[in-house]
């Protein structure tokens, strides 16, 4: 079976969104806690904006976890998805550009969203 592909920033964004929702925070209040506008948080959670070190520290602080915990959870879930769900998490620069494969990327993203939703239950 061919692996579905998910963009790494999208995966991290979904993880952040799941953790935010688990804490009962909406985007507007969470963005305020981060010192950014809600549209900027939305771009992070969709994977349209990559997170730099400074934002990683702010995210961890706002979620009341250590930055290393975010990274460890990210790596554990990434490894589990790649092992158990036939999903390959790749950086944006490594994504294929042809339309057929792009469909697999989108399908992988949808599957990932369902998996993250399952984690929250």
PDB file of N, CA and C in Angstrom:
ATOM      1  N   UNK A   1       0.835  -1.179   0.000  1.00  0.00           N
ATOM      2  CA  UNK A   1       0.000   0.000   0.000  1.00  0.00           C
ATOM      3  C   UNK A   1       0.883   1.247   0.000  1.00  0.00           C
ATOM      4  N   UNK A   2       0.541   2.207  -0.843  1.00  0.00           N
ATOM      5  CA  UNK A   2       1.300   3.441  -0.933  1.00  0.00           C
ATOM      6  C   UNK A   2       0.963   4.348   0.244  1.00  0.00           C
ATOM      7  N   UNK A   3       1.990   4.995   0.801  1.00  0.00           N
ATOM      8  CA  UNK A   3       1.776   5.870   1.941  1.00  0.00           C
ATOM      9  C   UNK A   3       1.112   7.176   1.523  1.00  0.00           C
ATOM     10  N   UNK A   4       0.192   7.641   2.347  1.00  0.00           N
ATOM     11  CA  UNK A   4      -0.368   8.975   2.168  1.00  0.00           C
ATOM     12  C   UNK A   4       0.633   9.970   2.728  1.00  0.00           C
ATOM     13  N   UNK A   5       0.635  11.170   2.208  1.00  0.00           N
ATOM     14  CA  UNK A   5       1.626  12.165   2.603  1.00  0.00           C
ATOM     15  C   UNK A   5       0.928  13.325   3.310  1.00  0.00           C
ATOM     16  N   UNK A   6       1.513  13.764   4.413  1.00  0.00           N
ATOM     17  CA  UNK A   6       1.017  14.915   5.149  1.00  0.00           C
ATOM     18  C   UNK A   6       2.172  15.892   5.316  1.00  0.00           C
ATOM     19  N   UNK A   7       1.877  17.167   5.125  1.00  0.00           N
ATOM     20  CA  UNK A   7       2.886  18.216   5.279  1.00  0.00           C
ATOM     21  C   UNK A   7       3.151  18.423   6.772  1.00  0.00           C
ATOM     22  N   UNK A   8       4.408  18.541   7.144  1.00  0.00           N
ATOM     23  CA  UNK A   8       4.811  18.569   8.551  1.00  0.00           C
ATOM     24  C   UNK A   8       4.233  19.761   9.313  1.00  0.00           C
ATOM     25  N   UNK A   9       4.127  20.938   8.678  1.00  0.00           N
ATOM     26  CA  UNK A   9       3.563  22.109   9.362  1.00  0.00           C
ATOM     27  C   UNK A   9       2.070  21.923   9.613  1.00  0.00           C
ATOM     28  N   UNK A  10       1.388  21.255   8.680  1.00  0.00           N
ATOM     29  CA  UNK A  10      -0.034  20.956   8.867  1.00  0.00           C
ATOM     30  C   UNK A  10      -0.203  20.006  10.054  1.00  0.00           C
ATOM     31  N   UNK A  11       0.644  19.012  10.127  1.00  0.00           N
ATOM     32  CA  UNK A  11       0.583  18.046  11.220  1.00  0.00           C
ATOM     33  C   UNK A  11       0.801  18.745  12.562  1.00  0.00           C
ATOM     34  N   UNK A  12       1.815  19.603  12.657  1.00  0.00           N
ATOM     35  CA  UNK A  12       2.089  20.311  13.901  1.00  0.00           C
ATOM     36  C   UNK A  12       0.927  21.242  14.244  1.00  0.00           C
ATOM     37  N   UNK A  13       0.387  21.925  13.234  1.00  0.00           N
ATOM     38  CA  UNK A  13      -0.737  22.823  13.464  1.00  0.00           C
ATOM     39  C   UNK A  13      -1.956  22.096  14.002  1.00  0.00           C
ATOM     40  N   UNK A  14      -2.236  20.915  13.457  1.00  0.00           N
ATOM     41  CA  UNK A  14      -3.365  20.125  13.948  1.00  0.00           C
ATOM     42  C   UNK A  14      -3.136  19.677  15.389  1.00  0.00           C
ATOM     43  N   UNK A  15      -1.905  19.367  15.711  1.00  0.00           N
ATOM     44  CA  UNK A  15      -1.569  18.973  17.077  1.00  0.00           C
ATOM     45  C   UNK A  15      -1.807  20.139  18.040  1.00  0.00           C
ATOM     46  N   UNK A  16      -1.380  21.338  17.654  1.00  0.00           N
ATOM     47  CA  UNK A  16      -1.582  22.532  18.482  1.00  0.00           C
ATOM     48  C   UNK A  16      -3.080  22.813  18.637  1.00  0.00           C
ATOM     49  N   UNK A  17      -3.816  22.737  17.533  1.00  0.00           N
ATOM     50  CA  UNK A  17      -5.264  22.985  17.589  1.00  0.00           C
ATOM     51  C   UNK A  17      -5.941  21.986  18.527  1.00  0.00           C
ATOM     52  N   UNK A  18      -5.538  20.729  18.441  1.00  0.00           N
ATOM     53  CA  UNK A  18      -6.129  19.702  19.300  1.00  0.00           C
ATOM     54  C   UNK A  18      -5.844  19.990  20.770  1.00  0.00           C
ATOM     55  N   UNK A  19      -4.626  20.383  21.081  1.00  0.00           N
ATOM     56  CA  UNK A  19      -4.262  20.680  22.464  1.00  0.00           C
ATOM     57  C   UNK A  19      -5.005  21.931  22.957  1.00  0.00           C
ATOM     58  N   UNK A  20      -5.152  22.935  22.093  1.00  0.00           N
ATOM     59  CA  UNK A  20      -5.887  24.151  22.450  1.00  0.00           C
ATOM     60  C   UNK A  20      -7.340  23.803  22.765  1.00  0.00           C
ATOM     61  N   UNK A  21      -7.972  23.032  21.895  1.00  0.00           N
ATOM     62  CA  UNK A  21      -9.375  22.658  22.091  1.00  0.00           C
ATOM     63  C   UNK A  21      -9.557  21.808  23.337  1.00  0.00           C
ATOM     64  N   UNK A  22      -8.597  20.946  23.596  1.00  0.00           N
ATOM     65  CA  UNK A  22      -8.674  20.086  24.789  1.00  0.00           C
ATOM     66  C   UNK A  22      -8.675  20.937  26.059  1.00  0.00           C
ATOM     67  N   UNK A  23      -8.030  22.100  25.996  1.00  0.00           N
ATOM     68  CA  UNK A  23      -7.998  23.017  27.137  1.00  0.00           C
ATOM     69  C   UNK A  23      -9.206  23.960  27.151  1.00  0.00           C
ATOM     70  N   UNK A  24     -10.092  23.790  26.175  1.00  0.00           N
ATOM     71  CA  UNK A  24     -11.311  24.588  26.142  1.00  0.00           C
ATOM     72  C   UNK A  24     -11.124  26.029  25.691  1.00  0.00           C
ATOM     73  N   UNK A  25     -10.035  26.291  24.963  1.00  0.00           N
ATOM     74  CA  UNK A  25      -9.771  27.657  24.497  1.00  0.00           C
ATOM     75  C   UNK A  25     -10.189  27.820  23.043  1.00  0.00           C
ATOM     76  N   UNK A  26     -10.792  28.972  22.740  1.00  0.00           N
ATOM     77  CA  UNK A  26     -11.080  29.273  21.341  1.00  0.00           C
ATOM     78  C   UNK A  26      -9.856  29.952  20.721  1.00  0.00           C
ATOM     79  N   UNK A  27      -9.863  30.087  19.409  1.00  0.00           N
ATOM     80  CA  UNK A  27      -8.705  30.670  18.721  1.00  0.00           C
ATOM     81  C   UNK A  27      -8.423  32.098  19.168  1.00  0.00           C
ATOM     82  N   UNK A  28      -9.463  32.885  19.353  1.00  0.00           N
ATOM     83  CA  UNK A  28      -9.271  34.301  19.695  1.00  0.00           C
ATOM     84  C   UNK A  28      -8.570  34.464  21.042  1.00  0.00           C
ATOM     85  N   UNK A  29      -9.019  33.740  22.060  1.00  0.00           N
ATOM     86  CA  UNK A  29      -8.396  33.870  23.378  1.00  0.00           C
ATOM     87  C   UNK A  29      -6.991  33.263  23.395  1.00  0.00           C
ATOM     88  N   UNK A  30      -6.807  32.171  22.663  1.00  0.00           N
ATOM     89  CA  UNK A  30      -5.482  31.553  22.610  1.00  0.00           C
ATOM     90  C   UNK A  30      -4.497  32.461  21.877  1.00  0.00           C
ATOM     91  N   UNK A  31      -4.951  33.062  20.790  1.00  0.00           N
ATOM     92  CA  UNK A  31      -4.097  33.989  20.037  1.00  0.00           C
ATOM     93  C   UNK A  31      -3.694  35.166  20.924  1.00  0.00           C
ATOM     94  N   UNK A  32      -4.635  35.680  21.693  1.00  0.00           N
ATOM     95  CA  UNK A  32      -4.328  36.801  22.603  1.00  0.00           C
ATOM     96  C   UNK A  32      -3.265  36.381  23.620  1.00  0.00           C
ATOM     97  N   UNK A  33      -3.373  35.166  24.116  1.00  0.00           N
ATOM     98  CA  UNK A  33      -2.389  34.636  25.061  1.00  0.00           C
ATOM     99  C   UNK A  33      -0.998  34.551  24.422  1.00  0.00           C
ATOM    100  N   UNK A  34      -0.975  34.291  23.110  1.00  0.00           N
ATOM    101  CA  UNK A  34       0.298  34.197  22.373  1.00  0.00           C
ATOM    102  C   UNK A  34       0.829  35.563  21.958  1.00  0.00           C
ATOM    103  N   UNK A  35      -0.030  36.577  22.033  1.00  0.00           N
ATOM    104  CA  UNK A  35       0.377  37.913  21.603  1.00  0.00           C
ATOM    105  C   UNK A  35       0.316  38.089  20.090  1.00  0.00           C
ATOM    106  N   UNK A  36      -0.567  37.306  19.438  1.00  0.00           N
ATOM    107  CA  UNK A  36      -0.738  37.413  17.988  1.00  0.00           C
ATOM    108  C   UNK A  36      -2.228  37.575  17.675  1.00  0.00           C
ATOM    109  N   UNK A  37      -2.534  37.910  16.449  1.00  0.00           N
ATOM    110  CA  UNK A  37      -3.924  38.020  16.016  1.00  0.00           C
ATOM    111  C   UNK A  37      -4.473  36.632  15.687  1.00  0.00           C
ATOM    112  N   UNK A  38      -5.792  36.478  15.755  1.00  0.00           N
ATOM    113  CA  UNK A  38      -6.450  35.201  15.487  1.00  0.00           C
ATOM    114  C   UNK A  38      -6.136  34.668  14.084  1.00  0.00           C
ATOM    115  N   UNK A  39      -6.112  35.516  13.024  1.00  0.00           N
ATOM    116  CA  UNK A  39      -5.784  34.973  11.701  1.00  0.00           C
ATOM    117  C   UNK A  39      -4.384  34.337  11.635  1.00  0.00           C
ATOM    118  N   UNK A  40      -3.435  34.894  12.402  1.00  0.00           N
ATOM    119  CA  UNK A  40      -2.080  34.317  12.427  1.00  0.00           C
ATOM    120  C   UNK A  40      -2.109  32.938  13.076  1.00  0.00           C
ATOM    121  N   UNK A  41      -2.885  32.788  14.144  1.00  0.00           N
ATOM    122  CA  UNK A  41      -3.015  31.477  14.789  1.00  0.00           C
ATOM    123  C   UNK A  41      -3.694  30.495  13.841  1.00  0.00           C
ATOM    124  N   UNK A  42      -4.693  30.956  13.131  1.00  0.00           N
ATOM    125  CA  UNK A  42      -5.384  30.100  12.173  1.00  0.00           C
ATOM    126  C   UNK A  42      -4.412  29.566  11.114  1.00  0.00           C
ATOM    127  N   UNK A  43      -3.513  30.425  10.639  1.00  0.00           N
ATOM    128  CA  UNK A  43      -2.513  29.985   9.646  1.00  0.00           C
ATOM    129  C   UNK A  43      -1.580  28.935  10.238  1.00  0.00           C
ATOM    130  N   UNK A  44      -1.207  29.103  11.507  1.00  0.00           N
ATOM    131  CA  UNK A  44      -0.351  28.108  12.168  1.00  0.00           C
ATOM    132  C   UNK A  44      -1.096  26.775  12.275  1.00  0.00           C
ATOM    133  N   UNK A  45      -2.337  26.825  12.730  1.00  0.00           N
ATOM    134  CA  UNK A  45      -3.100  25.591  12.938  1.00  0.00           C
ATOM    135  C   UNK A  45      -3.427  24.874  11.633  1.00  0.00           C
ATOM    136  N   UNK A  46      -3.524  25.602  10.530  1.00  0.00           N
ATOM    137  CA  UNK A  46      -3.758  24.977   9.215  1.00  0.00           C
ATOM    138  C   UNK A  46      -2.459  24.491   8.580  1.00  0.00           C
ATOM    139  N   UNK A  47      -1.321  24.907   9.127  1.00  0.00           N
ATOM    140  CA  UNK A  47      -0.041  24.523   8.554  1.00  0.00           C
ATOM    141  C   UNK A  47       0.428  25.460   7.462  1.00  0.00           C
ATOM    142  N   UNK A  48      -0.258  26.599   7.308  1.00  0.00           N
ATOM    143  CA  UNK A  48       0.150  27.577   6.294  1.00  0.00           C
ATOM    144  C   UNK A  48       1.345  28.395   6.755  1.00  0.00           C
ATOM    145  N   UNK A  49       1.566  28.482   8.063  1.00  0.00           N
ATOM    146  CA  UNK A  49       2.713  29.195   8.627  1.00  0.00           C
ATOM    147  C   UNK A  49       3.522  28.237   9.476  1.00  0.00           C
ATOM    148  N   UNK A  50       4.812  28.204   9.234  1.00  0.00           N
ATOM    149  CA  UNK A  50       5.706  27.373  10.047  1.00  0.00           C
ATOM    150  C   UNK A  50       5.965  28.078  11.382  1.00  0.00           C
ATOM    151  N   UNK A  51       6.223  27.300  12.398  1.00  0.00           N
ATOM    152  CA  UNK A  51       6.476  27.830  13.736  1.00  0.00           C
ATOM    153  C   UNK A  51       7.979  27.942  13.951  1.00  0.00           C
ATOM    154  N   UNK A  52       8.439  29.146  14.346  1.00  0.00           N
ATOM    155  CA  UNK A  52       9.853  29.313  14.681  1.00  0.00           C
ATOM    156  C   UNK A  52      10.056  29.034  16.172  1.00  0.00           C
ATOM    157  N   UNK A  53      11.282  29.103  16.621  1.00  0.00           N
ATOM    158  CA  UNK A  53      11.605  28.778  18.013  1.00  0.00           C
ATOM    159  C   UNK A  53      10.877  29.684  18.990  1.00  0.00           C
ATOM    160  N   UNK A  54      10.829  30.957  18.686  1.00  0.00           N
ATOM    161  CA  UNK A  54      10.149  31.906  19.557  1.00  0.00           C
ATOM    162  C   UNK A  54       8.673  31.541  19.714  1.00  0.00           C
ATOM    163  N   UNK A  55       8.014  31.214  18.616  1.00  0.00           N
ATOM    164  CA  UNK A  55       6.593  30.843  18.677  1.00  0.00           C
ATOM    165  C   UNK A  55       6.420  29.503  19.373  1.00  0.00           C
ATOM    166  N   UNK A  56       7.346  28.572  19.184  1.00  0.00           N
ATOM    167  CA  UNK A  56       7.271  27.290  19.886  1.00  0.00           C
ATOM    168  C   UNK A  56       7.268  27.525  21.395  1.00  0.00           C
ATOM    169  N   UNK A  57       8.129  28.411  21.861  1.00  0.00           N
ATOM    170  CA  UNK A  57       8.187  28.721  23.292  1.00  0.00           C
ATOM    171  C   UNK A  57       6.887  29.355  23.767  1.00  0.00           C
ATOM    172  N   UNK A  58       6.318  30.264  22.972  1.00  0.00           N
ATOM    173  CA  UNK A  58       5.045  30.898  23.332  1.00  0.00           C
ATOM    174  C   UNK A  58       3.915  29.875  23.364  1.00  0.00           C
ATOM    175  N   UNK A  59       3.880  28.985  22.369  1.00  0.00           N
ATOM    176  CA  UNK A  59       2.843  27.955  22.321  1.00  0.00           C
ATOM    177  C   UNK A  59       2.914  27.056  23.558  1.00  0.00           C
ATOM    178  N   UNK A  60       4.107  26.631  23.882  1.00  0.00           N
ATOM    179  CA  UNK A  60       4.288  25.759  25.048  1.00  0.00           C
ATOM    180  C   UNK A  60       3.845  26.469  26.317  1.00  0.00           C
ATOM    181  N   UNK A  61       4.237  27.731  26.462  1.00  0.00           N
ATOM    182  CA  UNK A  61       3.851  28.503  27.643  1.00  0.00           C
ATOM    183  C   UNK A  61       2.333  28.641  27.724  1.00  0.00           C
ATOM    184  N   UNK A  62       1.698  28.986  26.611  1.00  0.00           N
ATOM    185  CA  UNK A  62       0.244  29.168  26.583  1.00  0.00           C
ATOM    186  C   UNK A  62      -0.501  27.858  26.869  1.00  0.00           C
ATOM    187  N   UNK A  63       0.094  26.730  26.469  1.00  0.00           N
ATOM    188  CA  UNK A  63      -0.510  25.412  26.721  1.00  0.00           C
ATOM    189  C   UNK A  63      -0.084  24.833  28.072  1.00  0.00           C
ATOM    190  N   UNK A  64       0.780  25.581  28.768  1.00  0.00           N
ATOM    191  CA  UNK A  64       1.283  25.189  30.084  1.00  0.00           C
ATOM    192  C   UNK A  64       1.990  23.840  30.059  1.00  0.00           C
ATOM    193  N   UNK A  65       2.852  23.681  29.041  1.00  0.00           N
ATOM    194  CA  UNK A  65       3.694  22.490  28.933  1.00  0.00           C
ATOM    195  C   UNK A  65       5.108  22.952  28.588  1.00  0.00           C
ATOM    196  N   UNK A  66       6.063  22.088  28.786  1.00  0.00           N
ATOM    197  CA  UNK A  66       7.436  22.391  28.390  1.00  0.00           C
ATOM    198  C   UNK A  66       7.536  22.272  26.868  1.00  0.00           C
ATOM    199  N   UNK A  67       8.360  23.115  26.240  1.00  0.00           N
ATOM    200  CA  UNK A  67       8.546  22.993  24.784  1.00  0.00           C
ATOM    201  C   UNK A  67       8.962  21.579  24.376  1.00  0.00           C
ATOM    202  N   UNK A  68       9.785  20.956  25.198  1.00  0.00           N
ATOM    203  CA  UNK A  68      10.226  19.596  24.881  1.00  0.00           C
ATOM    204  C   UNK A  68       9.047  18.621  24.857  1.00  0.00           C
ATOM    205  N   UNK A  69       8.028  18.867  25.693  1.00  0.00           N
ATOM    206  CA  UNK A  69       6.846  17.998  25.687  1.00  0.00           C
ATOM    207  C   UNK A  69       6.112  18.083  24.355  1.00  0.00           C
ATOM    208  N   UNK A  70       6.018  19.297  23.805  1.00  0.00           N
ATOM    209  CA  UNK A  70       5.375  19.452  22.498  1.00  0.00           C
ATOM    210  C   UNK A  70       6.131  18.683  21.430  1.00  0.00           C
ATOM    211  N   UNK A  71       7.453  18.808  21.456  1.00  0.00           N
ATOM    212  CA  UNK A  71       8.280  18.127  20.457  1.00  0.00           C
ATOM    213  C   UNK A  71       8.196  16.613  20.624  1.00  0.00           C
ATOM    214  N   UNK A  72       8.259  16.144  21.858  1.00  0.00           N
ATOM    215  CA  UNK A  72       8.186  14.706  22.113  1.00  0.00           C
ATOM    216  C   UNK A  72       6.840  14.155  21.667  1.00  0.00           C
ATOM    217  N   UNK A  73       5.748  14.849  22.003  1.00  0.00           N
ATOM    218  CA  UNK A  73       4.421  14.387  21.576  1.00  0.00           C
ATOM    219  C   UNK A  73       4.308  14.391  20.059  1.00  0.00           C
ATOM    220  N   UNK A  74       4.842  15.438  19.435  1.00  0.00           N
ATOM    221  CA  UNK A  74       4.853  15.527  17.978  1.00  0.00           C
ATOM    222  C   UNK A  74       5.590  14.331  17.382  1.00  0.00           C
ATOM    223  N   UNK A  75       6.772  14.038  17.873  1.00  0.00           N
ATOM    224  CA  UNK A  75       7.579  12.931  17.345  1.00  0.00           C
ATOM    225  C   UNK A  75       6.909  11.578  17.574  1.00  0.00           C
ATOM    226  N   UNK A  76       6.344  11.376  18.761  1.00  0.00           N
ATOM    227  CA  UNK A  76       5.679  10.105  19.045  1.00  0.00           C
ATOM    228  C   UNK A  76       4.495   9.885  18.115  1.00  0.00           C
ATOM    229  N   UNK A  77       3.668  10.923  17.944  1.00  0.00           N
ATOM    230  CA  UNK A  77       2.501  10.787  17.080  1.00  0.00           C
ATOM    231  C   UNK A  77       2.921  10.633  15.625  1.00  0.00           C
ATOM    232  N   UNK A  78       3.960  11.350  15.212  1.00  0.00           N
ATOM    233  CA  UNK A  78       4.485  11.236  13.843  1.00  0.00           C
ATOM    234  C   UNK A  78       4.957   9.805  13.586  1.00  0.00           C
ATOM    235  N   UNK A  79       5.729   9.245  14.504  1.00  0.00           N
ATOM    236  CA  UNK A  79       6.219   7.876  14.353  1.00  0.00           C
ATOM    237  C   UNK A  79       5.063   6.882  14.311  1.00  0.00           C
ATOM    238  N   UNK A  80       4.053   7.079  15.169  1.00  0.00           N
ATOM    239  CA  UNK A  80       2.906   6.179  15.191  1.00  0.00           C
ATOM    240  C   UNK A  80       2.139   6.238  13.872  1.00  0.00           C
ATOM    241  N   UNK A  81       1.928   7.447  13.355  1.00  0.00           N
ATOM    242  CA  UNK A  81       1.211   7.589  12.087  1.00  0.00           C
ATOM    243  C   UNK A  81       1.977   6.922  10.948  1.00  0.00           C
ATOM    244  N   UNK A  82       3.277   7.138  10.929  1.00  0.00           N
ATOM    245  CA  UNK A  82       4.084   6.562   9.851  1.00  0.00           C
ATOM    246  C   UNK A  82       4.124   5.036   9.957  1.00  0.00           C
ATOM    247  N   UNK A  83       4.116   4.515  11.172  1.00  0.00           N
ATOM    248  CA  UNK A  83       4.180   3.067  11.380  1.00  0.00           C
ATOM    249  C   UNK A  83       2.808   2.404  11.199  1.00  0.00           C
ATOM    250  N   UNK A  84       1.796   2.946  11.854  1.00  0.00           N
ATOM    251  CA  UNK A  84       0.500   2.265  11.927  1.00  0.00           C
ATOM    252  C   UNK A  84      -0.522   2.708  10.889  1.00  0.00           C
ATOM    253  N   UNK A  85      -0.404   3.920  10.390  1.00  0.00           N
ATOM    254  CA  UNK A  85      -1.452   4.463   9.531  1.00  0.00           C
ATOM    255  C   UNK A  85      -1.011   4.687   8.089  1.00  0.00           C
ATOM    256  N   UNK A  86       0.200   4.275   7.745  1.00  0.00           N
ATOM    257  CA  UNK A  86       0.737   4.475   6.395  1.00  0.00           C
ATOM    258  C   UNK A  86       0.667   5.933   5.960  1.00  0.00           C
ATOM    259  N   UNK A  87       1.016   6.818   6.879  1.00  0.00           N
ATOM    260  CA  UNK A  87       1.075   8.247   6.584  1.00  0.00           C
ATOM    261  C   UNK A  87       2.531   8.677   6.687  1.00  0.00           C
ATOM    262  N   UNK A  88       2.993   9.389   5.693  1.00  0.00           N
ATOM    263  CA  UNK A  88       4.358   9.885   5.661  1.00  0.00           C
ATOM    264  C   UNK A  88       4.319  11.389   5.900  1.00  0.00           C
ATOM    265  N   UNK A  89       4.935  11.858   6.987  1.00  0.00           N
ATOM    266  CA  UNK A  89       4.949  13.274   7.334  1.00  0.00           C
ATOM    267  C   UNK A  89       6.223  13.882   6.771  1.00  0.00           C
ATOM    268  N   UNK A  90       6.065  14.865   5.866  1.00  0.00           N
ATOM    269  CA  UNK A  90       7.213  15.431   5.165  1.00  0.00           C
ATOM    270  C   UNK A  90       7.218  16.952   5.228  1.00  0.00           C
ATOM    271  N   UNK A  91       8.414  17.556   5.187  1.00  0.00           N
ATOM    272  CA  UNK A  91       8.491  19.021   5.071  1.00  0.00           C
ATOM    273  C   UNK A  91       7.922  19.479   3.737  1.00  0.00           C
ATOM    274  N   UNK A  92       7.444  20.711   3.703  1.00  0.00           N
ATOM    275  CA  UNK A  92       6.821  21.265   2.501  1.00  0.00           C
ATOM    276  C   UNK A  92       7.734  21.154   1.287  1.00  0.00           C
ATOM    277  N   UNK A  93       9.020  21.391   1.465  1.00  0.00           N
ATOM    278  CA  UNK A  93       9.964  21.364   0.339  1.00  0.00           C
ATOM    279  C   UNK A  93      10.102  19.970  -0.272  1.00  0.00           C
ATOM    280  N   UNK A  94       9.754  18.928   0.495  1.00  0.00           N
ATOM    281  CA  UNK A  94       9.875  17.558   0.005  1.00  0.00           C
ATOM    282  C   UNK A  94       8.582  17.001  -0.578  1.00  0.00           C
ATOM    283  N   UNK A  95       7.543  17.830  -0.629  1.00  0.00           N
ATOM    284  CA  UNK A  95       6.275  17.348  -1.169  1.00  0.00           C
ATOM    285  C   UNK A  95       6.321  17.303  -2.684  1.00  0.00           C
ATOM    286  N   UNK A  96       5.713  16.302  -3.269  1.00  0.00           N
ATOM    287  CA  UNK A  96       5.653  16.218  -4.730  1.00  0.00           C
ATOM    288  C   UNK A  96       4.768  17.327  -5.296  1.00  0.00           C
ATOM    289  N   UNK A  97       4.957  17.638  -6.565  1.00  0.00           N
ATOM    290  CA  UNK A  97       4.214  18.744  -7.161  1.00  0.00           C
ATOM    291  C   UNK A  97       3.173  18.308  -8.179  1.00  0.00           C
ATOM    292  N   UNK A  98       3.162  17.044  -8.583  1.00  0.00           N
ATOM    293  CA  UNK A  98       2.171  16.651  -9.584  1.00  0.00           C
ATOM    294  C   UNK A  98       0.785  16.486  -8.954  1.00  0.00           C
ATOM    295  N   UNK A  99      -0.259  16.650  -9.750  1.00  0.00           N
ATOM    296  CA  UNK A  99      -1.637  16.674  -9.248  1.00  0.00           C
ATOM    297  C   UNK A  99      -2.071  15.350  -8.624  1.00  0.00           C
ATOM    298  N   UNK A 100      -1.676  14.236  -9.183  1.00  0.00           N
ATOM    299  CA  UNK A 100      -2.096  12.938  -8.645  1.00  0.00           C
ATOM    300  C   UNK A 100      -1.587  12.774  -7.221  1.00  0.00           C
ATOM    301  N   UNK A 101      -0.337  13.137  -7.001  1.00  0.00           N
ATOM    302  CA  UNK A 101       0.228  12.999  -5.668  1.00  0.00           C
ATOM    303  C   UNK A 101      -0.323  14.056  -4.734  1.00  0.00           C
ATOM    304  N   UNK A 102      -0.654  15.230  -5.260  1.00  0.00           N
ATOM    305  CA  UNK A 102      -1.244  16.273  -4.436  1.00  0.00           C
ATOM    306  C   UNK A 102      -2.546  15.786  -3.814  1.00  0.00           C
ATOM    307  N   UNK A 103      -3.314  15.014  -4.566  1.00  0.00           N
ATOM    308  CA  UNK A 103      -4.544  14.436  -4.029  1.00  0.00           C
ATOM    309  C   UNK A 103      -4.265  13.532  -2.843  1.00  0.00           C
ATOM    310  N   UNK A 104      -3.186  12.774  -2.908  1.00  0.00           N
ATOM    311  CA  UNK A 104      -2.801  11.913  -1.789  1.00  0.00           C
ATOM    312  C   UNK A 104      -2.395  12.744  -0.577  1.00  0.00           C
ATOM    313  N   UNK A 105      -1.733  13.875  -0.827  1.00  0.00           N
ATOM    314  CA  UNK A 105      -1.354  14.772   0.263  1.00  0.00           C
ATOM    315  C   UNK A 105      -2.616  15.278   0.952  1.00  0.00           C
ATOM    316  N   UNK A 106      -3.591  15.708   0.173  1.00  0.00           N
ATOM    317  CA  UNK A 106      -4.835  16.207   0.751  1.00  0.00           C
ATOM    318  C   UNK A 106      -5.579  15.107   1.493  1.00  0.00           C
ATOM    319  N   UNK A 107      -5.608  13.912   0.940  1.00  0.00           N
ATOM    320  CA  UNK A 107      -6.240  12.786   1.604  1.00  0.00           C
ATOM    321  C   UNK A 107      -5.513  12.469   2.908  1.00  0.00           C
ATOM    322  N   UNK A 108      -4.199  12.521   2.884  1.00  0.00           N
ATOM    323  CA  UNK A 108      -3.415  12.295   4.099  1.00  0.00           C
ATOM    324  C   UNK A 108      -3.741  13.319   5.163  1.00  0.00           C
ATOM    325  N   UNK A 109      -3.902  14.579   4.751  1.00  0.00           N
ATOM    326  CA  UNK A 109      -4.260  15.639   5.694  1.00  0.00           C
ATOM    327  C   UNK A 109      -5.618  15.399   6.319  1.00  0.00           C
ATOM    328  N   UNK A 110      -6.569  14.961   5.510  1.00  0.00           N
ATOM    329  CA  UNK A 110      -7.908  14.664   6.026  1.00  0.00           C
ATOM    330  C   UNK A 110      -7.853  13.486   7.006  1.00  0.00           C
ATOM    331  N   UNK A 111      -7.092  12.477   6.655  1.00  0.00           N
ATOM    332  CA  UNK A 111      -6.951  11.321   7.542  1.00  0.00           C
ATOM    333  C   UNK A 111      -6.280  11.733   8.843  1.00  0.00           C
ATOM    334  N   UNK A 112      -5.301  12.604   8.741  1.00  0.00           N
ATOM    335  CA  UNK A 112      -4.601  13.082   9.927  1.00  0.00           C
ATOM    336  C   UNK A 112      -5.540  13.863  10.830  1.00  0.00           C
ATOM    337  N   UNK A 113      -6.385  14.700  10.245  1.00  0.00           N
ATOM    338  CA  UNK A 113      -7.344  15.466  11.040  1.00  0.00           C
ATOM    339  C   UNK A 113      -8.266  14.522  11.817  1.00  0.00           C
ATOM    340  N   UNK A 114      -8.696  13.452  11.178  1.00  0.00           N
ATOM    341  CA  UNK A 114      -9.544  12.475  11.859  1.00  0.00           C
ATOM    342  C   UNK A 114      -8.791  11.795  13.001  1.00  0.00           C
ATOM    343  N   UNK A 115      -7.517  11.492  12.789  1.00  0.00           N
ATOM    344  CA  UNK A 115      -6.728  10.849  13.835  1.00  0.00           C
ATOM    345  C   UNK A 115      -6.509  11.771  15.022  1.00  0.00           C
ATOM    346  N   UNK A 116      -6.214  13.045  14.743  1.00  0.00           N
ATOM    347  CA  UNK A 116      -6.016  14.015  15.824  1.00  0.00           C
ATOM    348  C   UNK A 116      -7.324  14.174  16.598  1.00  0.00           C
ATOM    349  N   UNK A 117      -8.439  14.185  15.885  1.00  0.00           N
ATOM    350  CA  UNK A 117      -9.744  14.276  16.539  1.00  0.00           C
ATOM    351  C   UNK A 117      -9.959  13.088  17.472  1.00  0.00           C
ATOM    352  N   UNK A 118      -9.521  11.914  17.030  1.00  0.00           N
ATOM    353  CA  UNK A 118      -9.645  10.705  17.842  1.00  0.00           C
ATOM    354  C   UNK A 118      -8.806  10.810  19.108  1.00  0.00           C
ATOM    355  N   UNK A 119      -7.654  11.458  19.017  1.00  0.00           N
ATOM    356  CA  UNK A 119      -6.768  11.632  20.181  1.00  0.00           C
ATOM    357  C   UNK A 119      -7.470  12.440  21.248  1.00  0.00           C
ATOM    358  N   UNK A 120      -8.256  13.417  20.836  1.00  0.00           N
ATOM    359  CA  UNK A 120      -8.909  14.322  21.782  1.00  0.00           C
ATOM    360  C   UNK A 120     -10.068  13.698  22.532  1.00  0.00           C
ATOM    361  N   UNK A 121     -10.506  12.541  22.114  1.00  0.00           N
ATOM    362  CA  UNK A 121     -11.675  11.925  22.770  1.00  0.00           C
ATOM    363  C   UNK A 121     -11.280  11.083  23.927  1.00  0.00           C
TER     364      UNK A 121
END
